[in-house]
PDB file of N, CA and C in Angstrom:
ATOM      1  N   MET A   1       3.574  -0.256  19.574  1.00  0.00           N
ATOM      2  CA  MET A   1       4.054  -0.975  18.494  1.00  0.00           C
ATOM      3  C   MET A   1       2.890  -1.456  17.751  1.00  0.00           C
ATOM      4  N   THR A   2       3.015  -1.383  16.356  1.00  0.00           N
ATOM      5  CA  THR A   2       1.911  -1.657  15.420  1.00  0.00           C
ATOM      6  C   THR A   2       2.382  -2.798  14.506  1.00  0.00           C
ATOM      7  N   LEU A   3       1.411  -3.799  14.275  1.00  0.00           N
ATOM      8  CA  LEU A   3       1.727  -4.861  13.257  1.00  0.00           C
ATOM      9  C   LEU A   3       0.874  -4.639  12.108  1.00  0.00           C
ATOM     10  N   LEU A   4       1.476  -4.559  10.920  1.00  0.00           N
ATOM     11  CA  LEU A   4       0.851  -4.405   9.766  1.00  0.00           C
ATOM     12  C   LEU A   4       0.828  -5.735   8.918  1.00  0.00           C
ATOM     13  N   LEU A   5      -0.319  -6.244   8.734  1.00  0.00           N
ATOM     14  CA  LEU A   5      -0.441  -7.498   7.978  1.00  0.00           C
ATOM     15  C   LEU A   5      -1.207  -7.391   6.660  1.00  0.00           C
ATOM     16  N   GLY A   6      -0.976  -8.236   5.711  1.00  0.00           N
ATOM     17  CA  GLY A   6      -1.549  -8.132   4.408  1.00  0.00           C
ATOM     18  C   GLY A   6      -0.888  -9.163   3.567  1.00  0.00           C
ATOM     19  N   HIS A   7      -1.709  -9.413   2.452  1.00  0.00           N
ATOM     20  CA  HIS A   7      -1.249 -10.423   1.437  1.00  0.00           C
ATOM     21  C   HIS A   7       0.009  -9.886   0.699  1.00  0.00           C
ATOM     22  N   PRO A   8       0.811 -10.751   0.124  1.00  0.00           N
ATOM     23  CA  PRO A   8       2.018 -10.217  -0.669  1.00  0.00           C
ATOM     24  C   PRO A   8       1.507  -9.241  -1.805  1.00  0.00           C
ATOM     25  N   SER A   9       2.252  -8.245  -1.970  1.00  0.00           N
ATOM     26  CA  SER A   9       1.995  -7.205  -2.922  1.00  0.00           C
ATOM     27  C   SER A   9       0.697  -6.493  -2.644  1.00  0.00           C
ATOM     28  N   SER A  10       0.168  -6.351  -1.484  1.00  0.00           N
ATOM     29  CA  SER A  10      -1.140  -5.711  -1.002  1.00  0.00           C
ATOM     30  C   SER A  10      -0.984  -4.264  -0.783  1.00  0.00           C
ATOM     31  N   GLY A  11       0.368  -3.723  -0.747  1.00  0.00           N
ATOM     32  CA  GLY A  11       0.689  -2.358  -0.473  1.00  0.00           C
ATOM     33  C   GLY A  11       1.069  -2.089   0.867  1.00  0.00           C
ATOM     34  N   LYS A  12       1.615  -3.035   1.649  1.00  0.00           N
ATOM     35  CA  LYS A  12       1.999  -2.733   3.132  1.00  0.00           C
ATOM     36  C   LYS A  12       3.094  -1.654   3.058  1.00  0.00           C
ATOM     37  N   SER A  13       4.090  -1.985   2.238  1.00  0.00           N
ATOM     38  CA  SER A  13       5.244  -1.102   2.231  1.00  0.00           C
ATOM     39  C   SER A  13       4.927   0.273   1.609  1.00  0.00           C
ATOM     40  N   THR A  14       4.038   0.339   0.670  1.00  0.00           N
ATOM     41  CA  THR A  14       3.575   1.566  -0.005  1.00  0.00           C
ATOM     42  C   THR A  14       2.870   2.426   1.060  1.00  0.00           C
ATOM     43  N   LEU A  15       1.979   1.768   1.861  1.00  0.00           N
ATOM     44  CA  LEU A  15       1.311   2.505   2.950  1.00  0.00           C
ATOM     45  C   LEU A  15       2.308   3.117   3.920  1.00  0.00           C
ATOM     46  N   LEU A  16       3.253   2.398   4.401  1.00  0.00           N
ATOM     47  CA  LEU A  16       4.157   2.826   5.444  1.00  0.00           C
ATOM     48  C   LEU A  16       4.971   3.928   4.726  1.00  0.00           C
ATOM     49  N   THR A  17       5.386   3.687   3.546  1.00  0.00           N
ATOM     50  CA  THR A  17       6.219   4.838   2.793  1.00  0.00           C
ATOM     51  C   THR A  17       5.459   6.097   2.747  1.00  0.00           C
ATOM     52  N   THR A  18       4.182   5.951   2.411  1.00  0.00           N
ATOM     53  CA  THR A  18       3.230   7.185   2.241  1.00  0.00           C
ATOM     54  C   THR A  18       3.106   7.794   3.692  1.00  0.00           C
ATOM     55  N   LEU A  19       2.888   7.053   4.664  1.00  0.00           N
ATOM     56  CA  LEU A  19       2.830   7.682   6.049  1.00  0.00           C
ATOM     57  C   LEU A  19       4.023   8.245   6.456  1.00  0.00           C
ATOM     58  N   ALA A  20       5.079   7.774   6.132  1.00  0.00           N
ATOM     59  CA  ALA A  20       6.532   8.406   6.487  1.00  0.00           C
ATOM     60  C   ALA A  20       6.750   9.661   5.489  1.00  0.00           C
ATOM     61  N   GLY A  21       5.964   9.967   4.446  1.00  0.00           N
ATOM     62  CA  GLY A  21       6.164  11.172   3.654  1.00  0.00           C
ATOM     63  C   GLY A  21       7.164  10.952   2.669  1.00  0.00           C
ATOM     64  N   LYS A  22       7.423   9.673   2.245  1.00  0.00           N
ATOM     65  CA  LYS A  22       8.419   9.517   1.173  1.00  0.00           C
ATOM     66  C   LYS A  22       7.897   8.729  -0.012  1.00  0.00           C
ATOM     67  N   LEU A  23       6.617   9.050  -0.256  1.00  0.00           N
ATOM     68  CA  LEU A  23       6.034   8.270  -1.420  1.00  0.00           C
ATOM     69  C   LEU A  23       6.535   8.587  -2.760  1.00  0.00           C
ATOM     70  N   ASP A  24       7.109   9.723  -3.116  1.00  0.00           N
ATOM     71  CA  ASP A  24       7.733  10.114  -4.397  1.00  0.00           C
ATOM     72  C   ASP A  24       8.806   9.057  -4.715  1.00  0.00           C
ATOM     73  N   SER A  25       9.819   8.740  -3.733  1.00  0.00           N
ATOM     74  CA  SER A  25      10.804   7.839  -4.147  1.00  0.00           C
ATOM     75  C   SER A  25      10.206   6.354  -4.291  1.00  0.00           C
ATOM     76  N   CYS A  26       9.100   6.130  -3.611  1.00  0.00           N
ATOM     77  CA  CYS A  26       8.493   4.778  -3.666  1.00  0.00           C
ATOM     78  C   CYS A  26       7.881   4.612  -5.078  1.00  0.00           C
ATOM     79  N   LEU A  27       7.238   5.721  -5.588  1.00  0.00           N
ATOM     80  CA  LEU A  27       6.663   5.670  -6.897  1.00  0.00           C
ATOM     81  C   LEU A  27       7.773   5.572  -8.041  1.00  0.00           C
ATOM     82  N   LYS A  28       8.851   6.222  -7.865  1.00  0.00           N
ATOM     83  CA  LYS A  28       9.815   6.068  -8.807  1.00  0.00           C
ATOM     84  C   LYS A  28      10.447   4.596  -8.955  1.00  0.00           C
ATOM     85  N   TRP A  29      10.563   3.982  -7.706  1.00  0.00           N
ATOM     86  CA  TRP A  29      10.848   2.673  -7.688  1.00  0.00           C
ATOM     87  C   TRP A  29       9.859   1.694  -8.386  1.00  0.00           C
ATOM     88  N   ALA A  30       8.583   1.884  -8.049  1.00  0.00           N
ATOM     89  CA  ALA A  30       7.481   1.065  -8.561  1.00  0.00           C
ATOM     90  C   ALA A  30       7.432   1.249 -10.153  1.00  0.00           C
ATOM     91  N   ALA A  31       7.676   2.408 -10.682  1.00  0.00           N
ATOM     92  CA  ALA A  31       7.696   2.602 -12.041  1.00  0.00           C
ATOM     93  C   ALA A  31       8.732   1.829 -12.740  1.00  0.00           C
ATOM     94  N   LYS A  32       9.902   1.736 -12.027  1.00  0.00           N
ATOM     95  CA  LYS A  32      10.906   0.910 -12.630  1.00  0.00           C
ATOM     96  C   LYS A  32      10.654  -0.596 -12.663  1.00  0.00           C
ATOM     97  N   THR A  33       9.921  -1.082 -11.612  1.00  0.00           N
ATOM     98  CA  THR A  33       9.539  -2.433 -11.594  1.00  0.00           C
ATOM     99  C   THR A  33       8.509  -2.809 -12.652  1.00  0.00           C
ATOM    100  N   ARG A  34       7.670  -1.870 -13.078  1.00  0.00           N
ATOM    101  CA  ARG A  34       6.624  -2.109 -14.113  1.00  0.00           C
ATOM    102  C   ARG A  34       5.675  -3.093 -13.631  1.00  0.00           C
ATOM    103  N   LYS A  35       5.342  -3.182 -12.301  1.00  0.00           N
ATOM    104  CA  LYS A  35       4.392  -4.053 -11.853  1.00  0.00           C
ATOM    105  C   LYS A  35       3.017  -3.461 -12.156  1.00  0.00           C
ATOM    106  N   ARG A  36       2.123  -4.444 -12.720  1.00  0.00           N
ATOM    107  CA  ARG A  36       0.827  -4.125 -13.196  1.00  0.00           C
ATOM    108  C   ARG A  36      -0.181  -4.816 -12.162  1.00  0.00           C
ATOM    109  N   TYR A  37      -1.251  -4.063 -11.837  1.00  0.00           N
ATOM    110  CA  TYR A  37      -2.275  -4.801 -10.864  1.00  0.00           C
ATOM    111  C   TYR A  37      -3.613  -4.819 -11.719  1.00  0.00           C
ATOM    112  N   THR A  38      -4.404  -5.813 -11.385  1.00  0.00           N
ATOM    113  CA  THR A  38      -5.766  -5.947 -12.021  1.00  0.00           C
ATOM    114  C   THR A  38      -6.616  -4.999 -11.142  1.00  0.00           C
ATOM    115  N   HIS A  39      -7.755  -4.698 -11.737  1.00  0.00           N
ATOM    116  CA  HIS A  39      -8.739  -3.864 -10.984  1.00  0.00           C
ATOM    117  C   HIS A  39      -9.189  -4.550  -9.641  1.00  0.00           C
ATOM    118  N   GLU A  40      -9.271  -5.820  -9.795  1.00  0.00           N
ATOM    119  CA  GLU A  40      -9.712  -6.570  -8.552  1.00  0.00           C
ATOM    120  C   GLU A  40      -8.659  -6.573  -7.515  1.00  0.00           C
ATOM    121  N   GLN A  41      -7.428  -6.531  -7.933  1.00  0.00           N
ATOM    122  CA  GLN A  41      -6.294  -6.490  -6.888  1.00  0.00           C
ATOM    123  C   GLN A  41      -6.359  -4.992  -6.206  1.00  0.00           C
ATOM    124  N   LEU A  42      -6.470  -3.988  -7.139  1.00  0.00           N
ATOM    125  CA  LEU A  42      -6.543  -2.564  -6.553  1.00  0.00           C
ATOM    126  C   LEU A  42      -7.706  -2.437  -5.648  1.00  0.00           C
ATOM    127  N   ASP A  43      -8.824  -3.010  -5.989  1.00  0.00           N
ATOM    128  CA  ASP A  43     -10.044  -2.934  -5.130  1.00  0.00           C
ATOM    129  C   ASP A  43      -9.765  -3.465  -3.813  1.00  0.00           C
ATOM    130  N   GLU A  44      -9.122  -4.712  -3.771  1.00  0.00           N
ATOM    131  CA  GLU A  44      -8.889  -5.301  -2.558  1.00  0.00           C
ATOM    132  C   GLU A  44      -7.862  -4.518  -1.751  1.00  0.00           C
ATOM    133  N   VAL A  45      -6.886  -3.952  -2.282  1.00  0.00           N
ATOM    134  CA  VAL A  45      -5.994  -3.044  -1.534  1.00  0.00           C
ATOM    135  C   VAL A  45      -6.641  -1.860  -1.012  1.00  0.00           C
ATOM    136  N   ASN A  46      -7.433  -1.240  -1.778  1.00  0.00           N
ATOM    137  CA  ASN A  46      -8.141  -0.034  -1.279  1.00  0.00           C
ATOM    138  C   ASN A  46      -9.008  -0.427  -0.128  1.00  0.00           C
ATOM    139  N   ILE A  47      -9.761  -1.453  -0.215  1.00  0.00           N
ATOM    140  CA  ILE A  47     -10.657  -1.908   0.920  1.00  0.00           C
ATOM    141  C   ILE A  47      -9.770  -2.217   2.169  1.00  0.00           C
ATOM    142  N   GLU A  48      -8.651  -2.856   2.037  1.00  0.00           N
ATOM    143  CA  GLU A  48      -7.703  -3.207   3.104  1.00  0.00           C
ATOM    144  C   GLU A  48      -7.214  -1.906   3.639  1.00  0.00           C
ATOM    145  N   VAL A  49      -6.842  -1.049   2.897  1.00  0.00           N
ATOM    146  CA  VAL A  49      -6.148   0.230   3.367  1.00  0.00           C
ATOM    147  C   VAL A  49      -7.273   1.110   4.221  1.00  0.00           C
ATOM    148  N   ALA A  50      -8.430   1.148   3.581  1.00  0.00           N
ATOM    149  CA  ALA A  50      -9.447   1.896   4.179  1.00  0.00           C
ATOM    150  C   ALA A  50      -9.939   1.230   5.517  1.00  0.00           C
ATOM    151  N   ASP A  51      -9.972  -0.037   5.610  1.00  0.00           N
ATOM    152  CA  ASP A  51     -10.256  -0.781   6.855  1.00  0.00           C
ATOM    153  C   ASP A  51      -9.177  -0.358   7.829  1.00  0.00           C
ATOM    154  N   TYR A  52      -7.919  -0.421   7.488  1.00  0.00           N
ATOM    155  CA  TYR A  52      -6.831  -0.244   8.388  1.00  0.00           C
ATOM    156  C   TYR A  52      -6.949   1.244   8.917  1.00  0.00           C
ATOM    157  N   LEU A  53      -7.077   2.116   8.041  1.00  0.00           N
ATOM    158  CA  LEU A  53      -7.016   3.659   8.331  1.00  0.00           C
ATOM    159  C   LEU A  53      -8.257   3.913   9.279  1.00  0.00           C
ATOM    160  N   GLN A  54      -9.481   3.194   9.139  1.00  0.00           N
ATOM    161  CA  GLN A  54     -10.515   3.281  10.017  1.00  0.00           C
ATOM    162  C   GLN A  54     -10.214   2.918  11.352  1.00  0.00           C
ATOM    163  N   THR A  55      -9.410   1.981  11.601  1.00  0.00           N
ATOM    164  CA  THR A  55      -9.023   1.537  12.898  1.00  0.00           C
ATOM    165  C   THR A  55      -8.202   2.683  13.629  1.00  0.00           C
ATOM    166  N   LEU A  56      -7.573   3.512  12.860  1.00  0.00           N
ATOM    167  CA  LEU A  56      -6.678   4.545  13.450  1.00  0.00           C
ATOM    168  C   LEU A  56      -7.554   5.635  13.985  1.00  0.00           C
ATOM    169  N   LEU A  57      -8.806   5.845  13.583  1.00  0.00           N
ATOM    170  CA  LEU A  57      -9.728   6.850  14.022  1.00  0.00           C
ATOM    171  C   LEU A  57     -10.386   6.689  15.415  1.00  0.00           C
TER     172      LEU A  57
END
């Protein structure tokens, strides 16, 4: 069992959706919500995802 932690809107669901191979439907949903992220928020998410993926290696 794995626990995935992160700040709200940090991309936890997107990561899991991507790993499940269902990213296309997630992107369509995200486009409808029109959520915008700042560069700082995207950088933080990228770092968190990279750190998480490094633990899998």
